[in-house]
Amino acid sequence: MARTISIGVQDFAGLIENDGFYIDKTSFIEEWWNNRDSVTLITRPRRFGKTITMSMFHYFFSLKYVGRSHLFEGLDIWKDEKLKSLQGTYPVIFMTFAGVKGRTYEEAVKTIKIGIVNLFQQYDYLMNSNKLNKTEKKQFDAVREDMDDVHAELSLNLLSTLLEKHYG
């Protein structure tokens, strides 16, 4: 049966599991991993696959998807045993701005803050971590829709720091 060419699909697992047409970009995972860059900026025109690529990274590395290795079977990344062993081994922060819409700057900022709050809810187990102190838990708890712009700006760095401390 012919594969469906999906336009606008942003979820890697959905694309693979529904037998959608997919051009294998998993070699980008290997290139990125081996480069050991501190920061990676992916810029491409609209509808060029940025979100699906980030979703692919999320499914590959995230602890949340440790049992989903079938998504990568038959793809380039699965040929390398060392990289294969990395699937599902890291805490991953995944946030896309693809859905951020707003008629005004203020509306767009509010949408981003809601996205940050939703992201933090995925990691609410950190509030029970014995590796975080009271101040860190208080900072985590302060991430709310009504937070000021400075706290919103620093929130992803905070989440990254707390995950590093929790997981070592």
N, C-alpha and C. Protein backbone atom coordinates (compact mmCIF):
# COMPACT_ATOMS: atom_id res chain seq x y z
N MET A 1 0.84 -1.18 0.00
CA MET A 1 0.00 0.00 0.00
C MET A 1 0.88 1.25 0.00
N ALA A 2 0.48 2.25 -0.75
CA ALA A 2 1.25 3.49 -0.83
C ALA A 2 1.16 4.25 0.48
N ARG A 3 2.26 4.87 0.84
CA ARG A 3 2.29 5.68 2.07
C ARG A 3 1.58 7.01 1.82
N THR A 4 0.96 7.50 2.86
CA THR A 4 0.28 8.79 2.79
C THR A 4 1.29 9.91 2.96
N ILE A 5 1.21 10.91 2.11
CA ILE A 5 2.04 12.09 2.27
C ILE A 5 1.24 13.06 3.12
N SER A 6 1.68 13.22 4.34
CA SER A 6 0.96 14.07 5.29
C SER A 6 1.55 15.47 5.29
N ILE A 7 0.69 16.44 5.28
CA ILE A 7 1.10 17.83 5.34
C ILE A 7 0.73 18.35 6.73
N GLY A 8 1.69 18.91 7.42
CA GLY A 8 1.39 19.52 8.70
C GLY A 8 1.44 18.58 9.90
N VAL A 9 1.86 17.34 9.71
CA VAL A 9 2.00 16.42 10.84
C VAL A 9 3.22 16.86 11.63
N GLN A 10 3.05 17.00 12.95
CA GLN A 10 4.15 17.50 13.78
C GLN A 10 4.61 16.46 14.79
N ASP A 11 4.02 15.28 14.79
CA ASP A 11 4.36 14.25 15.76
C ASP A 11 5.04 13.08 15.04
N PHE A 12 6.31 12.85 15.37
CA PHE A 12 7.10 11.80 14.73
C PHE A 12 6.44 10.43 14.88
N ALA A 13 6.03 10.08 16.10
CA ALA A 13 5.42 8.76 16.34
C ALA A 13 4.15 8.59 15.52
N GLY A 14 3.33 9.63 15.47
CA GLY A 14 2.10 9.54 14.68
C GLY A 14 2.38 9.30 13.22
N LEU A 15 3.39 9.95 12.70
CA LEU A 15 3.76 9.79 11.30
C LEU A 15 4.24 8.36 11.02
N ILE A 16 5.14 7.86 11.88
CA ILE A 16 5.70 6.52 11.68
C ILE A 16 4.63 5.43 11.89
N GLU A 17 3.88 5.55 12.98
CA GLU A 17 2.89 4.52 13.32
C GLU A 17 1.71 4.48 12.36
N ASN A 18 1.44 5.59 11.68
CA ASN A 18 0.35 5.62 10.70
C ASN A 18 0.86 5.43 9.28
N ASP A 19 2.10 4.95 9.18
CA ASP A 19 2.71 4.63 7.89
C ASP A 19 2.73 5.82 6.94
N GLY A 20 3.00 6.99 7.49
CA GLY A 20 3.10 8.18 6.66
C GLY A 20 4.43 8.20 5.92
N PHE A 21 4.46 8.91 4.83
CA PHE A 21 5.69 9.06 4.06
C PHE A 21 6.68 9.87 4.89
N TYR A 22 7.87 9.34 5.06
CA TYR A 22 8.87 9.99 5.90
C TYR A 22 10.23 9.89 5.24
N ILE A 23 10.88 11.02 5.06
CA ILE A 23 12.26 11.04 4.57
C ILE A 23 13.14 10.94 5.80
N ASP A 24 13.94 9.90 5.88
CA ASP A 24 14.73 9.58 7.06
C ASP A 24 15.74 10.68 7.37
N LYS A 25 15.50 11.36 8.50
CA LYS A 25 16.40 12.41 8.96
C LYS A 25 17.12 11.99 10.24
N THR A 26 17.07 10.71 10.57
CA THR A 26 17.66 10.27 11.83
C THR A 26 19.18 10.38 11.84
N SER A 27 19.81 10.48 10.68
CA SER A 27 21.27 10.68 10.67
C SER A 27 21.63 12.03 11.28
N PHE A 28 20.67 12.95 11.33
CA PHE A 28 20.89 14.24 11.97
C PHE A 28 21.12 14.05 13.48
N ILE A 29 20.47 13.05 14.07
CA ILE A 29 20.69 12.75 15.48
C ILE A 29 22.15 12.39 15.69
N GLU A 30 22.69 11.52 14.85
CA GLU A 30 24.09 11.11 14.96
C GLU A 30 25.02 12.30 14.77
N GLU A 31 24.77 13.11 13.76
CA GLU A 31 25.61 14.28 13.50
C GLU A 31 25.59 15.22 14.71
N TRP A 32 24.40 15.49 15.23
CA TRP A 32 24.27 16.39 16.38
C TRP A 32 24.98 15.80 17.60
N TRP A 33 24.76 14.53 17.88
CA TRP A 33 25.37 13.87 19.05
C TRP A 33 26.89 13.92 18.97
N ASN A 34 27.44 13.61 17.82
CA ASN A 34 28.89 13.56 17.66
C ASN A 34 29.56 14.94 17.67
N ASN A 35 28.83 15.98 17.29
CA ASN A 35 29.38 17.33 17.29
C ASN A 35 29.54 17.91 18.69
N ARG A 36 28.75 17.45 19.64
CA ARG A 36 28.82 17.90 21.04
C ARG A 36 28.67 19.42 21.17
N ASP A 37 27.84 20.01 20.33
CA ASP A 37 27.60 21.45 20.40
C ASP A 37 26.88 21.81 21.69
N SER A 38 27.21 22.97 22.24
CA SER A 38 26.53 23.47 23.44
C SER A 38 25.14 23.97 23.09
N VAL A 39 25.02 24.57 21.93
CA VAL A 39 23.75 25.13 21.48
C VAL A 39 23.55 24.75 20.02
N THR A 40 22.32 24.40 19.69
CA THR A 40 21.99 24.10 18.31
C THR A 40 20.78 24.93 17.91
N LEU A 41 20.91 25.72 16.87
CA LEU A 41 19.81 26.52 16.37
C LEU A 41 19.42 25.94 15.02
N ILE A 42 18.16 25.54 14.92
CA ILE A 42 17.67 24.98 13.67
C ILE A 42 16.75 26.01 13.03
N THR A 43 17.21 26.58 11.94
CA THR A 43 16.40 27.57 11.22
C THR A 43 16.09 27.03 9.84
N ARG A 44 14.86 27.01 9.52
CA ARG A 44 14.40 26.58 8.20
C ARG A 44 13.13 27.37 7.90
N PRO A 45 12.76 27.46 6.63
CA PRO A 45 11.52 28.17 6.30
C PRO A 45 10.30 27.45 6.90
N ARG A 46 9.21 28.15 6.92
CA ARG A 46 7.94 27.60 7.39
C ARG A 46 7.60 26.32 6.61
N ARG A 47 7.07 25.32 7.34
CA ARG A 47 6.62 24.03 6.76
C ARG A 47 7.80 23.22 6.22
N PHE A 48 8.97 23.36 6.83
CA PHE A 48 10.17 22.70 6.35
C PHE A 48 10.59 21.55 7.26
N GLY A 49 9.80 21.22 8.29
CA GLY A 49 10.07 20.05 9.11
C GLY A 49 10.80 20.29 10.41
N LYS A 50 10.81 21.52 10.91
CA LYS A 50 11.51 21.81 12.17
C LYS A 50 10.87 21.07 13.34
N THR A 51 9.55 21.18 13.46
CA THR A 51 8.85 20.57 14.59
C THR A 51 8.91 19.05 14.53
N ILE A 52 8.74 18.47 13.37
CA ILE A 52 8.80 17.00 13.25
C ILE A 52 10.21 16.50 13.57
N THR A 53 11.22 17.29 13.21
CA THR A 53 12.60 16.91 13.53
C THR A 53 12.83 16.96 15.03
N MET A 54 12.34 17.99 15.68
CA MET A 54 12.48 18.09 17.13
C MET A 54 11.68 16.98 17.82
N SER A 55 10.52 16.64 17.27
CA SER A 55 9.72 15.54 17.80
C SER A 55 10.49 14.23 17.68
N MET A 56 11.20 14.04 16.56
CA MET A 56 12.03 12.85 16.36
C MET A 56 13.09 12.77 17.46
N PHE A 57 13.77 13.88 17.74
CA PHE A 57 14.77 13.92 18.82
C PHE A 57 14.13 13.56 20.15
N HIS A 58 12.96 14.11 20.41
CA HIS A 58 12.25 13.86 21.66
C HIS A 58 11.96 12.36 21.83
N TYR A 59 11.41 11.75 20.80
CA TYR A 59 11.11 10.31 20.88
C TYR A 59 12.38 9.48 20.97
N PHE A 60 13.45 9.96 20.40
CA PHE A 60 14.69 9.18 20.45
C PHE A 60 15.34 9.23 21.83
N PHE A 61 15.50 10.41 22.40
CA PHE A 61 16.27 10.54 23.63
C PHE A 61 15.46 10.44 24.92
N SER A 62 14.20 10.81 24.91
CA SER A 62 13.44 11.00 26.14
C SER A 62 13.19 9.72 26.93
N LEU A 63 13.40 9.83 28.24
CA LEU A 63 13.07 8.75 29.18
C LEU A 63 11.59 8.36 29.05
N LYS A 64 10.79 9.32 28.70
CA LYS A 64 9.35 9.12 28.55
C LYS A 64 9.02 8.07 27.48
N TYR A 65 9.93 7.89 26.52
CA TYR A 65 9.67 6.98 25.39
C TYR A 65 10.65 5.82 25.35
N VAL A 66 11.09 5.37 26.51
CA VAL A 66 12.07 4.29 26.59
C VAL A 66 11.58 3.02 25.88
N GLY A 67 10.31 2.77 25.86
CA GLY A 67 9.79 1.56 25.23
C GLY A 67 9.34 1.73 23.80
N ARG A 68 9.73 2.81 23.16
CA ARG A 68 9.23 3.10 21.82
C ARG A 68 10.31 2.94 20.74
N SER A 69 11.26 2.06 20.97
CA SER A 69 12.37 1.89 20.02
C SER A 69 11.89 1.42 18.65
N HIS A 70 10.71 0.80 18.59
CA HIS A 70 10.18 0.33 17.29
C HIS A 70 10.02 1.47 16.29
N LEU A 71 9.92 2.70 16.78
CA LEU A 71 9.77 3.85 15.89
C LEU A 71 11.00 4.05 15.00
N PHE A 72 12.14 3.56 15.47
CA PHE A 72 13.41 3.82 14.78
C PHE A 72 13.94 2.60 14.03
N GLU A 73 13.29 1.47 14.19
CA GLU A 73 13.74 0.26 13.47
C GLU A 73 13.62 0.48 11.97
N GLY A 74 14.68 0.15 11.27
CA GLY A 74 14.71 0.33 9.82
C GLY A 74 15.19 1.70 9.38
N LEU A 75 15.40 2.60 10.32
CA LEU A 75 15.90 3.93 9.98
C LEU A 75 17.41 3.97 10.19
N ASP A 76 18.08 4.96 9.61
CA ASP A 76 19.55 5.05 9.65
C ASP A 76 20.12 4.96 11.07
N ILE A 77 19.51 5.62 12.02
CA ILE A 77 20.03 5.68 13.38
C ILE A 77 20.13 4.29 14.00
N TRP A 78 19.29 3.37 13.56
CA TRP A 78 19.22 2.05 14.18
C TRP A 78 20.36 1.14 13.73
N LYS A 79 21.19 1.61 12.80
CA LYS A 79 22.33 0.81 12.33
C LYS A 79 23.53 0.93 13.26
N ASP A 80 23.54 1.94 14.11
CA ASP A 80 24.67 2.21 15.00
C ASP A 80 24.32 1.75 16.41
N GLU A 81 24.98 0.68 16.87
CA GLU A 81 24.67 0.10 18.19
C GLU A 81 24.89 1.08 19.33
N LYS A 82 25.94 1.90 19.23
CA LYS A 82 26.21 2.87 20.30
C LYS A 82 25.06 3.86 20.41
N LEU A 83 24.63 4.39 19.28
CA LEU A 83 23.53 5.36 19.29
C LEU A 83 22.21 4.68 19.66
N LYS A 84 22.03 3.49 19.21
CA LYS A 84 20.82 2.72 19.53
C LYS A 84 20.64 2.61 21.04
N SER A 85 21.75 2.46 21.75
CA SER A 85 21.70 2.30 23.20
C SER A 85 21.29 3.60 23.91
N LEU A 86 21.28 4.72 23.21
CA LEU A 86 20.91 6.00 23.80
C LEU A 86 19.40 6.24 23.78
N GLN A 87 18.67 5.42 23.02
CA GLN A 87 17.24 5.65 22.90
C GLN A 87 16.56 5.53 24.26
N GLY A 88 15.83 6.58 24.65
CA GLY A 88 15.07 6.57 25.88
C GLY A 88 15.90 6.71 27.14
N THR A 89 17.02 7.44 27.09
CA THR A 89 17.93 7.48 28.24
C THR A 89 18.09 8.85 28.89
N TYR A 90 17.45 9.89 28.38
CA TYR A 90 17.66 11.24 28.92
C TYR A 90 16.34 11.94 29.22
N PRO A 91 16.36 12.81 30.24
CA PRO A 91 15.21 13.69 30.39
C PRO A 91 15.28 14.73 29.28
N VAL A 92 14.19 14.96 28.62
CA VAL A 92 14.17 15.88 27.48
C VAL A 92 13.10 16.94 27.70
N ILE A 93 13.48 18.17 27.48
CA ILE A 93 12.52 19.27 27.51
C ILE A 93 12.13 19.55 26.07
N PHE A 94 10.87 19.35 25.77
CA PHE A 94 10.39 19.55 24.40
C PHE A 94 9.29 20.60 24.41
N MET A 95 9.55 21.70 23.76
CA MET A 95 8.55 22.75 23.66
C MET A 95 8.62 23.32 22.26
N THR A 96 7.49 23.37 21.62
CA THR A 96 7.42 23.94 20.28
C THR A 96 6.62 25.24 20.33
N PHE A 97 6.98 26.15 19.47
CA PHE A 97 6.26 27.42 19.37
C PHE A 97 5.36 27.42 18.13
N ALA A 98 5.18 26.24 17.53
CA ALA A 98 4.39 26.14 16.31
C ALA A 98 2.94 26.60 16.54
N GLY A 99 2.42 26.40 17.73
CA GLY A 99 1.03 26.78 17.99
C GLY A 99 0.87 28.15 18.62
N VAL A 100 1.95 28.89 18.74
CA VAL A 100 1.86 30.21 19.37
C VAL A 100 1.26 31.19 18.36
N LYS A 101 0.08 31.64 18.70
CA LYS A 101 -0.63 32.60 17.85
C LYS A 101 -1.06 33.76 18.74
N GLY A 102 -1.26 34.87 18.16
CA GLY A 102 -1.75 36.03 18.90
C GLY A 102 -1.88 37.21 17.98
N ARG A 103 -2.93 37.94 18.18
CA ARG A 103 -3.12 39.15 17.37
C ARG A 103 -2.23 40.28 17.87
N THR A 104 -1.80 40.15 19.14
CA THR A 104 -0.94 41.17 19.71
C THR A 104 0.26 40.49 20.36
N TYR A 105 1.25 41.30 20.66
CA TYR A 105 2.43 40.80 21.37
C TYR A 105 2.02 40.20 22.70
N GLU A 106 1.15 40.87 23.41
CA GLU A 106 0.72 40.42 24.73
C GLU A 106 0.02 39.05 24.66
N GLU A 107 -0.80 38.85 23.64
CA GLU A 107 -1.48 37.55 23.46
C GLU A 107 -0.46 36.45 23.17
N ALA A 108 0.54 36.75 22.36
CA ALA A 108 1.57 35.75 22.04
C ALA A 108 2.36 35.39 23.29
N VAL A 109 2.72 36.39 24.10
CA VAL A 109 3.45 36.14 25.34
C VAL A 109 2.61 35.28 26.29
N LYS A 110 1.34 35.58 26.40
CA LYS A 110 0.45 34.80 27.27
C LYS A 110 0.38 33.34 26.80
N THR A 111 0.31 33.14 25.49
CA THR A 111 0.28 31.77 24.94
C THR A 111 1.57 31.03 25.27
N ILE A 112 2.70 31.71 25.17
CA ILE A 112 3.99 31.09 25.51
C ILE A 112 4.04 30.73 26.99
N LYS A 113 3.56 31.62 27.84
CA LYS A 113 3.54 31.34 29.29
C LYS A 113 2.66 30.14 29.60
N ILE A 114 1.53 30.03 28.95
CA ILE A 114 0.66 28.86 29.15
C ILE A 114 1.40 27.60 28.72
N GLY A 115 2.12 27.67 27.60
CA GLY A 115 2.92 26.53 27.14
C GLY A 115 3.99 26.14 28.14
N ILE A 116 4.62 27.12 28.76
CA ILE A 116 5.65 26.85 29.77
C ILE A 116 5.02 26.18 30.98
N VAL A 117 3.88 26.67 31.45
CA VAL A 117 3.18 26.07 32.59
C VAL A 117 2.81 24.62 32.27
N ASN A 118 2.28 24.38 31.07
CA ASN A 118 1.93 23.01 30.66
C ASN A 118 3.16 22.11 30.63
N LEU A 119 4.27 22.65 30.17
CA LEU A 119 5.53 21.90 30.15
C LEU A 119 5.95 21.53 31.57
N PHE A 120 5.91 22.47 32.48
CA PHE A 120 6.29 22.22 33.87
C PHE A 120 5.40 21.16 34.50
N GLN A 121 4.13 21.12 34.14
CA GLN A 121 3.22 20.11 34.70
C GLN A 121 3.67 18.69 34.37
N GLN A 122 4.35 18.52 33.26
CA GLN A 122 4.87 17.20 32.88
C GLN A 122 5.96 16.73 33.85
N TYR A 123 6.57 17.68 34.55
CA TYR A 123 7.68 17.36 35.45
C TYR A 123 7.33 17.64 36.90
N ASP A 124 6.05 17.61 37.23
CA ASP A 124 5.65 17.92 38.60
C ASP A 124 6.17 16.92 39.62
N TYR A 125 6.64 15.76 39.17
CA TYR A 125 7.26 14.79 40.08
C TYR A 125 8.52 15.36 40.73
N LEU A 126 9.09 16.41 40.14
CA LEU A 126 10.27 17.03 40.73
C LEU A 126 9.96 17.64 42.10
N MET A 127 8.71 17.98 42.33
CA MET A 127 8.31 18.55 43.63
C MET A 127 8.47 17.53 44.76
N ASN A 128 8.55 16.25 44.42
CA ASN A 128 8.75 15.19 45.42
C ASN A 128 10.18 14.68 45.46
N SER A 129 11.05 15.29 44.67
CA SER A 129 12.43 14.84 44.59
C SER A 129 13.19 15.21 45.87
N ASN A 130 13.87 14.23 46.43
CA ASN A 130 14.69 14.52 47.62
C ASN A 130 16.04 15.12 47.23
N LYS A 131 16.28 15.31 45.95
CA LYS A 131 17.53 15.90 45.48
C LYS A 131 17.41 17.42 45.28
N LEU A 132 16.20 17.93 45.40
CA LEU A 132 15.99 19.36 45.25
C LEU A 132 15.70 19.97 46.61
N ASN A 133 16.22 21.18 46.83
CA ASN A 133 15.98 21.84 48.10
C ASN A 133 14.68 22.65 48.06
N LYS A 134 14.31 23.23 49.20
CA LYS A 134 13.05 23.98 49.32
C LYS A 134 13.01 25.18 48.38
N THR A 135 14.13 25.86 48.24
CA THR A 135 14.18 27.03 47.36
C THR A 135 13.92 26.63 45.91
N GLU A 136 14.54 25.55 45.47
CA GLU A 136 14.35 25.08 44.10
C GLU A 136 12.90 24.66 43.87
N LYS A 137 12.31 24.01 44.84
CA LYS A 137 10.90 23.62 44.71
C LYS A 137 9.99 24.84 44.69
N LYS A 138 10.35 25.85 45.46
CA LYS A 138 9.58 27.09 45.48
C LYS A 138 9.67 27.78 44.12
N GLN A 139 10.87 27.78 43.52
CA GLN A 139 11.05 28.37 42.19
C GLN A 139 10.22 27.61 41.15
N PHE A 140 10.23 26.28 41.26
CA PHE A 140 9.43 25.46 40.35
C PHE A 140 7.95 25.82 40.49
N ASP A 141 7.50 25.91 41.73
CA ASP A 141 6.09 26.18 42.02
C ASP A 141 5.67 27.59 41.58
N ALA A 142 6.63 28.49 41.43
CA ALA A 142 6.33 29.87 41.04
C ALA A 142 6.06 30.03 39.54
N VAL A 143 6.24 28.96 38.78
CA VAL A 143 5.98 29.03 37.34
C VAL A 143 4.47 28.92 37.13
N ARG A 144 3.88 30.07 36.82
CA ARG A 144 2.43 30.18 36.66
C ARG A 144 2.12 31.07 35.47
N GLU A 145 0.89 31.00 35.01
CA GLU A 145 0.50 31.81 33.85
C GLU A 145 0.67 33.31 34.10
N ASP A 146 0.54 33.74 35.35
CA ASP A 146 0.65 35.16 35.66
C ASP A 146 2.07 35.58 36.05
N MET A 147 3.05 34.71 35.81
CA MET A 147 4.44 35.07 36.14
C MET A 147 4.87 36.24 35.26
N ASP A 148 5.83 37.00 35.77
CA ASP A 148 6.32 38.12 34.96
C ASP A 148 7.22 37.58 33.85
N ASP A 149 7.54 38.45 32.90
CA ASP A 149 8.31 38.04 31.72
C ASP A 149 9.71 37.54 32.08
N VAL A 150 10.32 38.10 33.09
CA VAL A 150 11.67 37.67 33.49
C VAL A 150 11.63 36.22 33.98
N HIS A 151 10.64 35.89 34.82
CA HIS A 151 10.52 34.51 35.30
C HIS A 151 10.22 33.54 34.16
N ALA A 152 9.41 33.98 33.22
CA ALA A 152 9.12 33.15 32.05
C ALA A 152 10.39 32.90 31.25
N GLU A 153 11.17 33.97 31.07
CA GLU A 153 12.42 33.88 30.32
C GLU A 153 13.40 32.89 30.96
N LEU A 154 13.45 32.88 32.28
CA LEU A 154 14.40 32.02 33.01
C LEU A 154 13.86 30.62 33.29
N SER A 155 12.59 30.39 33.02
CA SER A 155 11.95 29.15 33.44
C SER A 155 12.54 27.89 32.79
N LEU A 156 12.86 27.94 31.52
CA LEU A 156 13.39 26.74 30.86
C LEU A 156 14.78 26.41 31.37
N ASN A 157 15.56 27.45 31.67
CA ASN A 157 16.87 27.22 32.28
C ASN A 157 16.69 26.58 33.65
N LEU A 158 15.72 27.07 34.42
CA LEU A 158 15.43 26.49 35.74
C LEU A 158 15.05 25.02 35.60
N LEU A 159 14.16 24.72 34.67
CA LEU A 159 13.74 23.33 34.50
C LEU A 159 14.92 22.44 34.12
N SER A 160 15.77 22.92 33.25
CA SER A 160 16.95 22.17 32.85
C SER A 160 17.86 21.90 34.04
N THR A 161 18.08 22.93 34.86
CA THR A 161 18.92 22.80 36.05
C THR A 161 18.34 21.79 37.03
N LEU A 162 17.02 21.86 37.24
CA LEU A 162 16.38 20.95 38.19
C LEU A 162 16.41 19.50 37.70
N LEU A 163 16.22 19.30 36.41
CA LEU A 163 16.30 17.95 35.85
C LEU A 163 17.72 17.40 35.97
N GLU A 164 18.71 18.24 35.72
CA GLU A 164 20.10 17.81 35.86
C GLU A 164 20.39 17.40 37.31
N LYS A 165 19.90 18.20 38.23
CA LYS A 165 20.13 17.89 39.65
C LYS A 165 19.39 16.61 40.06
N HIS A 166 18.18 16.45 39.61
CA HIS A 166 17.37 15.26 39.96
C HIS A 166 17.99 13.97 39.38
N TYR A 167 18.39 14.02 38.12
CA TYR A 167 18.90 12.82 37.45
C TYR A 167 20.42 12.65 37.57
N GLY A 168 21.11 13.71 37.97
CA GLY A 168 22.56 13.62 38.08
C GLY A 168 23.22 13.66 36.73
